[in-house]
Amino acid sequence: MDVQQQTSWAAVLTTALCGTGALVVLVRWSRHRQAEGKIQKARSHRADTLLQAERAVGRHHQAHPGQNSDHIISLSLRELTKHLKDGSLRPEDVFYSYLEKTLDVNKRLNCCTEILLESFDQLETLDSNKEGLLYGIPVSIKDNIGYKGHDSSCGVICNLERPAPGDSVLVKVLKRQGAIPFVKTNVPQSLLNYECGNPIYGQTVNPHNSQKTSGGSSGGEGALIAAGGSLIGLGSDIGGSIRIPAAFCGICGLKPTANRLSSQGCTSCTKGQKSVLSSFGPLARDVDSLALFMQALLSEHMFSLDPTVPPLPFNTQVYQSTKPLRIGYYENDGFTQPSPSMARGFREVKALLERAGHTLVPFTPCKIEYALYNLVIKGLLADGGATVLSHLKEGPVDPCFRPQTVSYGLPRSVKTLLSVLLKPLFPRLALSLKAIAGVSSVPELWKQHAAVEDYCHETMAKWRRCELDVLLCPMLGPAFNFFYCAKLTSAPSYTVLYNMLNFPAGVVPVTTVTSEDEMELKQFKGNYGDNWDKLFKEAVTGAEGLPVAVQCIALPWQDELCLRFMREVETLVKQNAK
C-alpha cells in the first residue's frame, strides 16, 4: 500500500471515528433533552394541580366563611370518623380543611408530587359509601401507589408519562371504605434510599428542621402527616421506608407482615427481588389511627380483589388485649451503636414497661454482621445493582442518591478485587463491596435464598426459647443532615433486619433530643470506630428538639399484637409526660 492509499484510509478512519463520536454526543444530547422535557412536563402538571386545588379552596371559603379548619385538623381519626358518621361534620368541610393545610405545608416542605383532582368528583358522590369505616376521611398516598391515570414515578424519569391503567387494589379498597385519596407524596429516586430527593420533584425537608431530611422512602408521607397536612397516609417499606420517616418526623408508622396488604397495582424499582421483602402500611399521628386504617383495609373487598393476600381480617381482640407482655429487648444491635438520644429513649421506655408490670427479657439478634452483608445486601442487590441502574438511564442521578450508586456500576470482578484490597483498612466497606457484587449464578441465588430461610428459622427458634411475645429495640435517629443517607447505607440495621425476617414492626415517638444528648454525642465512637461511625456522628449532629422513637416488633402475621404493643408504649409515654 503506497503513501497516498495510507493517507486515504487514515482520512476515512478519522472521519468514521469523528462521525461516531458526534453520533454519541448527539444521542446523549437528545436523551438529555427528552429527560428535561419529561421533568418540566411533570413539574408543570404538579403546579397546575396545586393551583386548581388552591382555587377550589378559595371558592369553598367564600361559600362557607365561618368554617373552623383548625378544630377539624386537631381531631383524631376516631373522633373525625364519629363526627362524620353522626353528621356533626360534613365531608366537604373536612376535605377542604386538609386540602388547604396540605397546600400550605407543601410550600414549606416540598412533600407533594400532585393533588389528585379526581378527589373533587369522589367528594360529590361520597354518600354511596356512608357505611365505610373511613367515610369522608382524606388520605394521602405515596407516589408509587397506583392511581388510575396518574404516574407512579418512584422518582425516576423512565416512569414518567406512564399513567396507571387502573387503581391499585389498596386505592380501590380505600374508596370502597369511603376514604378520599387526595394527594400523592414525594419519594427518593428509585425508592432505595432513606433520604427524600429526586431530580423530578426535588428535596423534601423535615417539618421540625428544614436543614434535616424527612427520611425515606415514604418521606413525603412522613413530612405531610407530621405537619398536619394529612391525617393518615399509605406508604411502603423495604428497609425502613415507613419507619424511618415516621421516626425522623415524629409520628407513628407500621410495616406489616409482607403481603398482609395487597401490592397489586403498585410500582417498584426492585420488582422480582425476594430476599428482602417490601410491604405496604400506614403512617399516622397515633397508634389507634394505624389500627383503624388496618381494620378498614383488611376487608373482604381486598381479599376478593387480590386472592394472593391471606384472608385474615383485623383481630380486634388481640389489639385491645391488656394482659402483661413478655418483651425481649436490646439496646445495641452490635452493628450500629445507637446515638445518645436513641439509647436514652429506649432506656426510658424499657423502664416504663417494667414499671407497668411487663416482663423484660434480654435478647440479641443472631449474627448481625453476617445477616446484613450475606443476606440483606447480597439479596437486595443480587444482580449487582443492575436493575436499579437500569431505572436511572434516562436522566441525572440525584445528589441524595449518587454516592450509593457509584459502586453499583463497577464490574463484579472489580468489586470483588476492591473488597480484598480494602479489607485491612476498611473491613466494613470491604464486606459491603463483596455483598454488592451480588451472585454469579442461579444456584448461588438459590443458596442465598436458603440461607435467608435458615436465618429466619434460627431467629424464631431463639425467640421461642426466650418465650417472647414481642421485641423492643432502638429506632434509627434523630433525623439526619442532608446527603448522609447514601453514604451510610448500613446504618438502618435496626430496621432492614425485620424486612428480611418478615416480622411486623412499628415505630412510636417517645422523646426529643436534649442538649445533654448533643453533649454526649461529642464522645460518640461507634461499635467499630471506623469512618462509617464518624459519618453517623456527623449525620445526627445538630438535632436538639427533634423527635426520637423506639421500634416495636412481633412475629409474622401478628400485626395486631405489634400494634397492641405500640399502643402500650404510646400510652405509657403520654402518662409519664403528664
Protein backbone atom coordinates (compact mmCIF):
# COMPACT_ATOMS: atom_id res chain seq x y z
CA MET A 1 0.00 0.00 0.00
CA ASP A 2 1.51 3.34 -1.08
CA VAL A 3 1.57 6.53 0.98
CA GLN A 4 -1.41 8.01 -0.85
CA GLN A 5 -3.60 4.98 -0.05
CA GLN A 6 -2.49 5.00 3.59
CA THR A 7 -3.39 8.67 3.85
CA SER A 8 -6.77 7.96 2.24
CA TRP A 9 -7.55 5.11 4.68
CA ALA A 10 -6.45 7.27 7.62
CA ALA A 11 -8.79 10.02 6.47
CA VAL A 12 -11.69 7.56 6.18
CA LEU A 13 -10.94 6.13 9.64
CA THR A 14 -10.67 9.60 11.17
CA THR A 15 -13.94 10.64 9.55
CA ALA A 16 -15.64 7.46 10.82
CA LEU A 17 -14.36 7.99 14.36
CA CYS A 18 -15.40 11.64 14.34
CA GLY A 19 -18.79 10.66 12.99
CA THR A 20 -19.25 8.01 15.65
CA GLY A 21 -18.18 10.45 18.35
CA ALA A 22 -20.57 13.07 17.01
CA LEU A 23 -23.38 10.48 16.92
CA VAL A 24 -22.74 9.50 20.55
CA VAL A 25 -22.80 13.17 21.59
CA LEU A 26 -25.99 13.72 19.58
CA VAL A 27 -27.72 10.69 21.17
CA ARG A 28 -26.73 11.85 24.66
CA TRP A 29 -27.90 15.38 23.93
CA SER A 30 -31.18 14.04 22.57
CA ARG A 31 -31.71 11.86 25.68
CA HIS A 32 -30.90 14.83 27.91
CA ARG A 33 -33.43 17.00 26.06
CA GLN A 34 -36.08 14.27 26.34
CA ALA A 35 -35.40 13.85 30.05
CA GLU A 36 -35.57 17.60 30.63
CA GLY A 37 -38.82 17.70 28.69
CA LYS A 38 -40.36 14.95 30.82
CA ILE A 39 -39.22 16.63 34.04
CA GLN A 40 -40.66 20.00 33.01
CA LYS A 41 -43.94 18.39 31.99
CA ALA A 42 -44.20 16.61 35.38
CA ARG A 43 -43.41 19.80 37.29
CA SER A 44 -45.92 21.80 35.23
CA HIS A 45 -48.57 19.16 35.93
CA ARG A 46 -47.85 19.38 39.67
CA ALA A 47 -48.02 23.18 39.60
CA ASP A 48 -51.33 23.03 37.72
CA THR A 49 -52.92 20.62 40.22
CA LEU A 50 -51.73 22.75 43.14
CA LEU A 51 -53.17 25.89 41.52
CA GLN A 52 -56.51 24.23 40.78
CA ALA A 53 -56.69 22.97 44.36
CA GLU A 54 -55.90 26.44 45.70
CA ARG A 55 -58.70 27.96 43.65
CA ALA A 56 -61.13 25.27 44.84
CA VAL A 57 -60.22 26.02 48.47
CA GLY A 58 -60.82 29.73 47.82
CA ARG A 59 -64.28 29.04 46.38
CA HIS A 60 -65.14 26.83 49.35
CA HIS A 61 -64.09 29.55 51.80
CA GLN A 62 -66.27 32.11 50.04
CA ALA A 63 -69.26 29.78 50.30
CA HIS A 64 -68.51 28.79 53.95
CA PRO A 65 -66.76 31.76 55.63
CA GLY A 66 -67.21 30.52 59.21
CA GLN A 67 -65.56 27.10 58.89
CA ASN A 68 -63.22 26.14 61.78
CA SER A 69 -60.45 24.25 59.99
CA ASP A 70 -58.09 24.23 62.98
CA HIS A 71 -60.65 22.33 65.07
CA ILE A 72 -61.15 19.75 62.32
CA ILE A 73 -57.42 19.16 61.90
CA SER A 74 -56.98 18.76 65.68
CA LEU A 75 -59.35 15.77 65.79
CA SER A 76 -58.03 12.19 65.84
CA LEU A 77 -59.09 9.70 63.19
CA ARG A 78 -61.54 8.01 65.59
CA GLU A 79 -63.07 11.36 66.56
CA LEU A 80 -63.31 12.52 62.97
CA THR A 81 -64.99 9.33 61.73
CA LYS A 82 -67.53 9.64 64.59
CA HIS A 83 -68.39 13.26 63.70
CA LEU A 84 -68.71 12.39 60.01
CA LYS A 85 -70.95 9.43 60.71
CA ASP A 86 -73.31 11.32 63.04
CA GLY A 87 -73.48 14.30 60.68
CA SER A 88 -71.98 16.89 63.06
CA LEU A 89 -69.24 17.43 60.43
CA ARG A 90 -69.67 17.49 56.66
CA PRO A 91 -67.20 15.62 54.43
CA GLU A 92 -66.68 18.79 52.32
CA ASP A 93 -65.53 20.77 55.37
CA VAL A 94 -63.08 18.02 56.40
CA PHE A 95 -61.79 17.62 52.84
CA TYR A 96 -61.16 21.32 52.23
CA SER A 97 -59.62 21.79 55.68
CA TYR A 98 -56.99 19.16 54.92
CA LEU A 99 -56.55 20.28 51.33
CA GLU A 100 -55.85 23.86 52.45
CA LYS A 101 -53.41 22.64 55.11
CA THR A 102 -51.65 20.38 52.57
CA LEU A 103 -51.15 23.30 50.17
CA ASP A 104 -49.65 25.39 52.97
CA VAL A 105 -47.40 22.56 54.21
CA ASN A 106 -46.15 21.74 50.72
CA LYS A 107 -44.92 25.31 50.24
CA ARG A 108 -42.60 24.82 53.22
CA LEU A 109 -41.63 21.17 52.91
CA ASN A 110 -41.98 20.22 49.21
CA CYS A 111 -43.66 16.94 50.14
CA CYS A 112 -46.32 16.53 47.41
CA THR A 113 -45.96 15.33 43.83
CA GLU A 114 -49.53 16.22 42.80
CA ILE A 115 -53.07 16.81 44.02
CA LEU A 116 -55.42 14.09 42.75
CA LEU A 117 -58.10 16.27 41.16
CA GLU A 118 -60.42 13.25 40.80
CA SER A 119 -60.89 13.55 44.57
CA PHE A 120 -63.26 16.51 43.92
CA ASP A 121 -65.51 14.22 41.87
CA GLN A 122 -65.32 11.50 44.52
CA LEU A 123 -66.40 14.02 47.15
CA GLU A 124 -69.58 14.70 45.16
CA THR A 125 -70.61 11.01 45.14
CA LEU A 126 -69.40 10.10 48.63
CA ASP A 127 -72.76 9.36 50.25
CA SER A 128 -72.90 5.98 48.48
CA ASN A 129 -70.08 4.83 50.83
CA LYS A 130 -71.50 6.21 54.08
CA GLU A 131 -71.15 2.84 55.84
CA GLY A 132 -67.42 2.64 55.15
CA LEU A 133 -65.06 2.69 58.14
CA LEU A 134 -63.20 5.68 56.65
CA TYR A 135 -66.22 7.61 55.35
CA GLY A 136 -65.19 11.16 54.41
CA ILE A 137 -61.54 10.79 55.50
CA PRO A 138 -58.94 12.42 53.19
CA VAL A 139 -55.97 10.07 52.75
CA SER A 140 -52.51 10.78 51.32
CA ILE A 141 -50.75 8.09 49.29
CA LYS A 142 -47.10 7.55 48.43
CA ASP A 143 -46.03 8.23 44.85
CA ASN A 144 -45.56 4.52 43.95
CA ILE A 145 -49.14 3.53 44.85
CA GLY A 146 -51.17 3.19 41.65
CA TYR A 147 -54.00 5.65 40.98
CA LYS A 148 -55.78 5.47 37.62
CA GLY A 149 -54.48 7.95 35.06
CA HIS A 150 -51.51 9.08 37.16
CA ASP A 151 -47.80 8.28 37.09
CA SER A 152 -46.10 6.27 39.81
CA SER A 153 -42.69 7.75 39.15
CA CYS A 154 -40.65 6.24 42.01
CA GLY A 155 -38.55 9.38 41.46
CA VAL A 156 -37.12 8.03 38.17
CA ILE A 157 -37.63 9.67 34.77
CA CYS A 158 -38.29 6.42 32.89
CA ASN A 159 -41.56 6.02 34.83
CA LEU A 160 -42.92 9.42 33.78
CA GLU A 161 -45.69 9.60 31.16
CA ARG A 162 -46.70 6.03 32.02
CA PRO A 163 -50.02 6.54 33.82
CA ALA A 164 -51.55 3.66 35.76
CA PRO A 165 -54.26 1.88 33.73
CA GLY A 166 -56.36 1.47 36.85
CA ASP A 167 -56.41 2.00 40.60
CA SER A 168 -54.25 -0.27 42.74
CA VAL A 169 -56.09 -2.71 44.97
CA LEU A 170 -55.36 -0.58 48.05
CA VAL A 171 -56.81 2.56 46.43
CA LYS A 172 -59.93 0.59 45.41
CA VAL A 173 -60.39 -0.63 48.99
CA LEU A 174 -59.85 2.87 50.42
CA LYS A 175 -62.52 4.26 48.11
CA ARG A 176 -64.93 1.41 49.00
CA GLN A 177 -64.40 2.28 52.68
CA GLY A 178 -65.37 5.90 51.98
CA ALA A 179 -61.85 7.37 52.15
CA ILE A 180 -60.77 10.05 49.66
CA PRO A 181 -57.21 9.66 48.31
CA PHE A 182 -56.43 13.31 47.53
CA VAL A 183 -52.66 13.76 47.21
CA LYS A 184 -49.56 11.83 46.15
CA THR A 185 -46.36 12.36 48.13
CA ASN A 186 -42.66 12.58 47.34
CA VAL A 187 -40.05 9.80 47.39
CA PRO A 188 -36.29 9.36 46.84
CA GLN A 189 -35.02 8.31 43.43
CA SER A 190 -35.72 4.56 42.92
CA LEU A 191 -37.20 4.27 46.46
CA LEU A 192 -33.95 2.56 47.53
CA ASN A 193 -32.75 5.36 49.81
CA TYR A 194 -33.82 6.76 53.16
CA GLU A 195 -33.42 10.41 52.21
CA CYS A 196 -36.17 12.03 50.13
CA GLY A 197 -34.99 13.76 46.98
CA ASN A 198 -35.19 13.12 43.23
CA PRO A 199 -34.42 15.04 40.03
CA ILE A 200 -38.12 15.43 39.16
CA TYR A 201 -39.71 16.93 42.26
CA GLY A 202 -36.68 17.91 44.36
CA GLN A 203 -35.89 17.51 48.06
CA THR A 204 -38.45 17.10 50.87
CA VAL A 205 -37.36 18.65 54.17
CA ASN A 206 -38.09 17.77 57.78
CA PRO A 207 -41.09 19.59 59.32
CA HIS A 208 -39.16 20.21 62.57
CA ASN A 209 -35.93 21.47 60.99
CA SER A 210 -35.55 22.43 57.33
CA GLN A 211 -31.83 21.55 57.47
CA LYS A 212 -32.67 17.89 58.12
CA THR A 213 -34.12 15.16 55.92
CA SER A 214 -37.65 13.87 56.38
CA GLY A 215 -36.37 10.33 55.83
CA GLY A 216 -37.34 7.88 53.11
CA SER A 217 -38.54 6.36 51.12
CA SER A 218 -42.01 7.39 52.39
CA GLY A 219 -40.52 10.79 53.20
CA GLY A 220 -43.27 12.89 51.67
CA GLU A 221 -45.84 10.99 53.74
CA GLY A 222 -43.87 11.43 56.97
CA ALA A 223 -43.42 15.17 56.43
CA LEU A 224 -47.00 15.87 55.34
CA ILE A 225 -48.63 13.96 58.22
CA ALA A 226 -46.27 15.34 60.87
CA ALA A 227 -47.00 18.90 59.69
CA GLY A 228 -50.78 18.34 59.81
CA GLY A 229 -51.49 18.23 56.07
CA SER A 230 -52.82 14.68 56.22
CA LEU A 231 -54.44 12.69 58.98
CA ILE A 232 -53.29 9.31 57.74
CA GLY A 233 -51.31 8.07 54.77
CA LEU A 234 -50.20 4.94 52.95
CA GLY A 235 -46.52 4.13 52.42
CA SER A 236 -44.27 1.18 51.62
CA ASP A 237 -41.24 -0.25 53.42
CA ILE A 238 -38.35 -2.38 52.10
CA GLY A 239 -35.66 -1.46 54.62
CA GLY A 240 -37.28 1.06 56.95
CA SER A 241 -39.10 3.18 54.38
CA ILE A 242 -42.18 3.68 56.59
CA ARG A 243 -40.45 3.53 59.95
CA ILE A 244 -37.51 5.88 59.23
CA PRO A 245 -39.61 8.85 58.01
CA ALA A 246 -42.10 8.24 60.82
CA ALA A 247 -39.27 8.34 63.38
CA PHE A 248 -37.46 11.30 61.76
CA CYS A 249 -40.71 13.32 61.60
CA GLY A 250 -42.14 12.29 65.00
CA ILE A 251 -45.21 10.24 64.04
CA CYS A 252 -46.23 6.56 64.18
CA GLY A 253 -45.75 4.05 61.38
CA LEU A 254 -46.35 0.34 60.85
CA LYS A 255 -44.58 -2.05 58.50
CA PRO A 256 -46.97 -5.02 58.42
CA THR A 257 -46.02 -8.58 57.54
CA ALA A 258 -45.30 -8.65 53.79
CA ASN A 259 -48.44 -9.42 51.76
CA ARG A 260 -50.78 -8.71 54.67
CA LEU A 261 -51.84 -5.78 52.46
CA SER A 262 -52.03 -6.11 48.68
CA SER A 263 -49.25 -4.71 46.47
CA GLN A 264 -51.18 -5.20 43.21
CA GLY A 265 -51.06 -2.09 41.05
CA CYS A 266 -48.10 -0.54 42.88
CA THR A 267 -44.70 0.23 41.34
CA SER A 268 -41.17 -0.76 42.38
CA CYS A 269 -37.62 -0.46 41.03
CA THR A 270 -36.65 -3.82 42.58
CA LYS A 271 -39.53 -6.00 41.41
CA GLY A 272 -38.65 -9.70 41.43
CA GLN A 273 -36.23 -9.48 44.35
CA LYS A 274 -37.31 -11.97 47.05
CA SER A 275 -34.67 -11.95 49.82
CA VAL A 276 -35.75 -8.69 51.48
CA LEU A 277 -39.49 -8.23 51.31
CA SER A 278 -41.36 -4.96 50.84
CA SER A 279 -44.72 -4.28 52.45
CA PHE A 280 -47.34 -1.55 52.38
CA GLY A 281 -48.57 0.07 55.56
CA PRO A 282 -49.91 3.21 57.25
CA LEU A 283 -48.37 6.32 58.84
CA ALA A 284 -50.37 8.47 61.27
CA ARG A 285 -50.15 10.74 64.30
CA ASP A 286 -51.19 8.00 66.74
CA VAL A 287 -51.30 4.21 67.01
CA ASP A 288 -55.08 3.92 67.18
CA SER A 289 -55.32 5.56 63.75
CA LEU A 290 -52.95 2.92 62.35
CA ALA A 291 -55.16 0.19 63.83
CA LEU A 292 -58.40 1.63 62.39
CA PHE A 293 -56.74 2.04 59.00
CA MET A 294 -55.55 -1.58 59.03
CA GLN A 295 -59.02 -2.73 60.08
CA ALA A 296 -60.53 -0.86 57.12
CA LEU A 297 -58.05 -2.29 54.61
CA LEU A 298 -58.20 -5.89 55.88
CA SER A 299 -61.66 -6.36 54.38
CA GLU A 300 -63.46 -8.92 52.27
CA HIS A 301 -63.20 -6.47 49.39
CA MET A 302 -59.38 -6.61 49.43
CA PHE A 303 -59.36 -10.39 49.81
CA SER A 304 -61.65 -10.78 46.77
CA LEU A 305 -59.67 -8.29 44.64
CA ASP A 306 -56.34 -9.97 45.44
CA PRO A 307 -56.64 -13.71 46.21
CA THR A 308 -52.87 -13.89 46.93
CA VAL A 309 -53.43 -11.99 50.20
CA PRO A 310 -54.31 -14.31 53.13
CA PRO A 311 -57.94 -13.63 54.15
CA LEU A 312 -57.08 -12.56 57.70
CA PRO A 313 -59.46 -9.85 58.99
CA PHE A 314 -58.20 -7.46 61.68
CA ASN A 315 -58.16 -9.17 65.09
CA THR A 316 -59.66 -6.53 67.39
CA GLN A 317 -59.48 -8.83 70.42
CA VAL A 318 -55.67 -9.09 70.18
CA TYR A 319 -55.30 -5.33 69.62
CA GLN A 320 -57.46 -4.45 72.63
CA SER A 321 -55.91 -7.00 75.00
CA THR A 322 -54.40 -5.69 78.23
CA LYS A 323 -52.60 -8.79 79.50
CA PRO A 324 -48.97 -8.27 80.58
CA LEU A 325 -46.42 -8.97 77.87
CA ARG A 326 -43.13 -10.82 77.84
CA ILE A 327 -40.88 -8.39 75.98
CA GLY A 328 -37.45 -9.10 74.53
CA TYR A 329 -35.09 -6.14 74.25
CA TYR A 330 -31.68 -4.98 73.08
CA GLU A 331 -30.15 -1.51 73.25
CA ASN A 332 -27.34 -2.08 70.76
CA ASP A 333 -27.58 -4.47 67.80
CA GLY A 334 -23.78 -4.80 67.71
CA PHE A 335 -23.51 -3.10 64.33
CA THR A 336 -24.81 0.47 64.58
CA GLN A 337 -24.18 1.95 68.01
CA PRO A 338 -27.27 3.98 68.92
CA SER A 339 -26.90 7.74 69.16
CA PRO A 340 -27.22 9.07 72.76
CA SER A 341 -30.83 10.13 72.20
CA MET A 342 -31.73 6.75 70.66
CA ALA A 343 -30.25 4.93 73.66
CA ARG A 344 -31.85 7.25 76.23
CA GLY A 345 -35.29 7.00 74.61
CA PHE A 346 -35.01 3.22 74.56
CA ARG A 347 -33.96 3.02 78.23
CA GLU A 348 -36.78 5.31 79.33
CA VAL A 349 -39.38 3.17 77.56
CA LYS A 350 -37.88 -0.05 78.95
CA ALA A 351 -38.17 1.37 82.49
CA LEU A 352 -41.80 2.42 81.90
CA LEU A 353 -42.70 -1.05 80.64
CA GLU A 354 -41.08 -2.74 83.65
CA ARG A 355 -42.91 -0.37 86.00
CA ALA A 356 -46.20 -1.22 84.27
CA GLY A 357 -45.77 -4.92 85.10
CA HIS A 358 -44.42 -6.34 81.85
CA THR A 359 -41.54 -8.82 81.87
CA LEU A 360 -38.38 -7.67 80.07
CA VAL A 361 -36.01 -10.34 78.72
CA PRO A 362 -32.55 -9.65 77.19
CA PHE A 363 -32.33 -10.62 73.51
CA THR A 364 -29.53 -10.38 70.94
CA PRO A 365 -30.05 -10.53 67.16
CA CYS A 366 -28.43 -13.58 65.58
CA LYS A 367 -25.13 -12.97 63.72
CA ILE A 368 -25.96 -9.38 62.79
CA GLU A 369 -22.92 -8.74 60.57
CA TYR A 370 -23.47 -11.96 58.64
CA ALA A 371 -27.18 -11.16 58.27
CA LEU A 372 -26.61 -7.64 56.94
CA TYR A 373 -23.94 -8.49 54.37
CA ASN A 374 -24.65 -12.06 53.27
CA LEU A 375 -28.42 -11.98 53.49
CA VAL A 376 -29.71 -8.39 53.27
CA ILE A 377 -27.30 -6.55 50.95
CA LYS A 378 -26.35 -9.59 48.87
CA GLY A 379 -30.03 -10.49 48.49
CA LEU A 380 -31.31 -6.98 47.81
CA LEU A 381 -28.58 -6.42 45.21
CA ALA A 382 -28.19 -9.99 43.95
CA ASP A 383 -27.96 -8.59 40.42
CA GLY A 384 -25.09 -6.30 41.45
CA GLY A 385 -27.42 -3.29 41.32
CA ALA A 386 -28.15 -3.70 37.59
CA THR A 387 -31.94 -3.39 37.93
CA VAL A 388 -31.71 -0.17 39.93
CA LEU A 389 -29.19 1.30 37.48
CA SER A 390 -31.46 0.41 34.55
CA HIS A 391 -34.08 2.76 36.01
CA LEU A 392 -31.58 5.65 36.09
CA LYS A 393 -30.51 5.61 32.42
CA GLU A 394 -32.86 8.31 31.16
CA GLY A 395 -31.68 11.13 33.37
CA PRO A 396 -29.42 12.52 36.08
CA VAL A 397 -28.80 10.79 39.39
CA ASP A 398 -29.92 12.89 42.35
CA PRO A 399 -27.18 14.11 44.75
CA CYS A 400 -29.06 12.35 47.58
CA PHE A 401 -28.60 9.03 45.80
CA ARG A 402 -25.35 9.38 43.83
CA PRO A 403 -22.84 8.09 46.45
CA GLN A 404 -24.89 4.93 46.79
CA THR A 405 -24.84 4.16 43.06
CA VAL A 406 -21.11 4.67 42.39
CA SER A 407 -20.20 1.11 43.39
CA TYR A 408 -23.22 -0.44 41.63
CA GLY A 409 -21.81 0.35 38.20
CA LEU A 410 -18.42 -1.32 38.78
CA PRO A 411 -17.84 -4.73 37.15
CA ARG A 412 -18.33 -7.67 39.51
CA SER A 413 -14.63 -8.57 39.31
CA VAL A 414 -13.63 -5.02 40.31
CA LYS A 415 -16.00 -5.05 43.31
CA THR A 416 -14.53 -8.38 44.43
CA LEU A 417 -10.93 -7.19 43.97
CA LEU A 418 -11.57 -3.93 45.84
CA SER A 419 -13.16 -5.85 48.71
CA VAL A 420 -9.93 -7.83 49.10
CA LEU A 421 -7.65 -4.77 48.84
CA LEU A 422 -9.69 -2.63 51.25
CA LYS A 423 -10.28 -5.30 53.90
CA PRO A 424 -7.21 -4.47 56.10
CA LEU A 425 -8.04 -0.74 56.30
CA PHE A 426 -11.83 -0.61 55.88
CA PRO A 427 -13.28 -4.02 56.82
CA ARG A 428 -16.95 -2.96 56.77
CA LEU A 429 -16.60 -1.24 53.40
CA ALA A 430 -14.83 -4.33 52.05
CA LEU A 431 -17.66 -6.61 53.21
CA SER A 432 -20.19 -4.25 51.69
CA LEU A 433 -18.45 -4.24 48.29
CA LYS A 434 -18.28 -8.03 48.33
CA ALA A 435 -22.01 -8.18 49.06
CA ILE A 436 -22.84 -5.60 46.37
CA ALA A 437 -21.09 -7.82 43.85
CA GLY A 438 -24.24 -9.95 44.11
CA VAL A 439 -24.48 -13.57 42.99
CA SER A 440 -22.83 -15.16 39.96
CA SER A 441 -25.35 -17.88 39.10
CA VAL A 442 -28.84 -19.22 39.70
CA PRO A 443 -27.57 -22.00 42.03
CA GLU A 444 -25.80 -19.34 44.10
CA LEU A 445 -29.04 -17.32 44.27
CA TRP A 446 -30.91 -20.39 45.49
CA LYS A 447 -28.26 -20.91 48.17
CA GLN A 448 -28.71 -17.29 49.22
CA HIS A 449 -32.50 -17.75 49.48
CA ALA A 450 -31.95 -20.93 51.52
CA ALA A 451 -29.59 -19.04 53.85
CA VAL A 452 -32.31 -16.40 54.42
CA GLU A 453 -34.80 -19.14 55.31
CA ASP A 454 -32.33 -20.76 57.71
CA TYR A 455 -31.66 -17.43 59.42
CA CYS A 456 -35.39 -16.78 59.85
CA HIS A 457 -35.88 -20.21 61.46
CA GLU A 458 -32.84 -19.65 63.71
CA THR A 459 -34.19 -16.29 64.91
CA MET A 460 -37.68 -17.65 65.56
CA ALA A 461 -36.25 -20.63 67.47
CA LYS A 462 -34.30 -18.24 69.69
CA TRP A 463 -37.46 -16.13 70.13
CA ARG A 464 -39.40 -19.19 71.28
CA ARG A 465 -36.64 -20.29 73.67
CA CYS A 466 -36.95 -16.87 75.32
CA GLU A 467 -40.76 -17.27 75.28
CA LEU A 468 -41.24 -13.77 73.90
CA ASP A 469 -44.47 -12.08 72.89
CA VAL A 470 -42.84 -9.04 71.31
CA LEU A 471 -39.48 -7.29 70.97
CA LEU A 472 -38.34 -3.72 71.79
CA CYS A 473 -35.27 -2.08 70.25
CA PRO A 474 -33.99 1.42 69.43
CA MET A 475 -35.08 3.19 66.26
CA LEU A 476 -32.62 4.94 63.94
CA GLY A 477 -32.47 8.65 64.65
CA PRO A 478 -32.64 11.50 65.09
CA ALA A 479 -33.19 12.89 61.58
CA PHE A 480 -30.01 13.03 59.50
CA ASN A 481 -28.39 16.07 57.96
CA PHE A 482 -28.72 16.15 54.16
CA PHE A 483 -26.64 13.87 51.89
CA TYR A 484 -25.55 11.39 54.58
CA CYS A 485 -28.11 8.61 53.98
CA ALA A 486 -26.50 7.38 50.74
CA LYS A 487 -23.09 7.28 52.47
CA LEU A 488 -24.49 5.26 55.39
CA THR A 489 -26.42 2.50 53.65
CA SER A 490 -25.85 0.04 56.51
CA ALA A 491 -26.97 2.42 59.29
CA PRO A 492 -30.61 1.20 59.11
CA SER A 493 -29.51 -2.15 60.58
CA TYR A 494 -32.27 -1.78 63.20
CA THR A 495 -34.97 -1.68 60.52
CA VAL A 496 -33.88 -3.68 57.44
CA LEU A 497 -33.30 -6.82 59.51
CA TYR A 498 -37.07 -7.11 60.04
CA ASN A 499 -37.83 -6.80 56.33
CA MET A 500 -35.57 -9.79 55.69
CA LEU A 501 -37.12 -11.67 58.64
CA ASN A 502 -40.60 -10.51 57.53
CA PHE A 503 -41.59 -9.55 61.09
CA PRO A 504 -44.19 -6.77 61.53
CA ALA A 505 -42.52 -3.71 63.02
CA GLY A 506 -43.72 -0.27 64.04
CA VAL A 507 -42.32 2.93 65.49
CA VAL A 508 -43.65 5.22 68.21
CA PRO A 509 -42.17 8.65 69.06
CA VAL A 510 -41.14 8.73 72.72
CA THR A 511 -38.90 11.75 73.39
CA THR A 512 -36.90 14.57 71.80
CA VAL A 513 -33.17 15.25 71.56
CA THR A 514 -31.83 17.28 74.51
CA SER A 515 -28.77 19.50 74.86
CA GLU A 516 -27.33 16.77 77.10
CA ASP A 517 -27.73 14.26 74.26
CA GLU A 518 -25.84 16.63 71.97
CA MET A 519 -23.04 16.99 74.51
CA GLU A 520 -22.79 13.20 74.92
CA LEU A 521 -22.70 12.79 71.14
CA LYS A 522 -19.32 14.54 71.10
CA GLN A 523 -17.86 11.45 72.82
CA PHE A 524 -19.53 9.03 70.37
CA LYS A 525 -17.09 6.40 69.00
CA GLY A 526 -19.39 3.76 67.49
CA ASN A 527 -19.09 -0.03 67.64
CA TYR A 528 -16.22 -0.11 65.12
CA GLY A 529 -14.60 3.32 65.40
CA ASP A 530 -14.31 3.44 61.61
CA ASN A 531 -15.21 6.06 59.02
CA TRP A 532 -18.87 4.98 58.92
CA ASP A 533 -19.17 5.55 62.67
CA LYS A 534 -17.66 9.03 62.19
CA LEU A 535 -20.13 9.75 59.40
CA PHE A 536 -23.03 8.59 61.58
CA LYS A 537 -21.94 11.01 64.30
CA GLU A 538 -21.84 13.85 61.74
CA ALA A 539 -25.22 12.83 60.30
CA VAL A 540 -27.15 13.17 63.57
CA THR A 541 -25.34 16.25 64.91
CA GLY A 542 -27.35 19.43 65.48
CA ALA A 543 -30.65 17.71 66.29
CA GLU A 544 -31.72 19.30 69.58
CA GLY A 545 -35.51 19.28 69.82
CA LEU A 546 -36.01 16.67 67.09
CA PRO A 547 -38.17 13.58 67.77
CA VAL A 548 -36.78 10.20 68.81
CA ALA A 549 -38.67 6.90 68.55
CA VAL A 550 -38.44 3.25 69.57
CA GLN A 551 -39.27 0.19 67.47
CA CYS A 552 -41.81 -2.50 68.41
CA ILE A 553 -41.65 -5.92 66.72
CA ALA A 554 -43.75 -9.12 66.63
CA LEU A 555 -43.64 -12.46 64.81
CA PRO A 556 -45.00 -12.80 61.25
CA TRP A 557 -48.79 -12.34 60.87
CA GLN A 558 -49.06 -10.97 64.42
CA ASP A 559 -49.55 -7.39 63.20
CA GLU A 560 -52.33 -6.73 65.71
CA LEU A 561 -50.05 -7.77 68.58
CA CYS A 562 -47.39 -5.41 67.24
CA LEU A 563 -49.96 -2.58 67.22
CA ARG A 564 -51.12 -3.52 70.72
CA PHE A 565 -47.51 -3.26 71.95
CA MET A 566 -47.08 0.08 70.16
CA ARG A 567 -50.26 1.38 71.83
CA GLU A 568 -48.92 0.27 75.23
CA VAL A 569 -45.68 2.21 74.67
CA GLU A 570 -47.58 5.27 73.43
CA THR A 571 -49.93 5.23 76.43
CA LEU A 572 -47.13 4.85 79.00
CA VAL A 573 -45.10 7.67 77.42
CA LYS A 574 -48.11 10.01 77.42
CA GLN A 575 -48.95 9.15 81.04
CA ASN A 576 -45.35 9.72 82.07
CA ALA A 577 -45.30 13.11 80.31
CA LYS A 578 -48.30 14.23 82.36
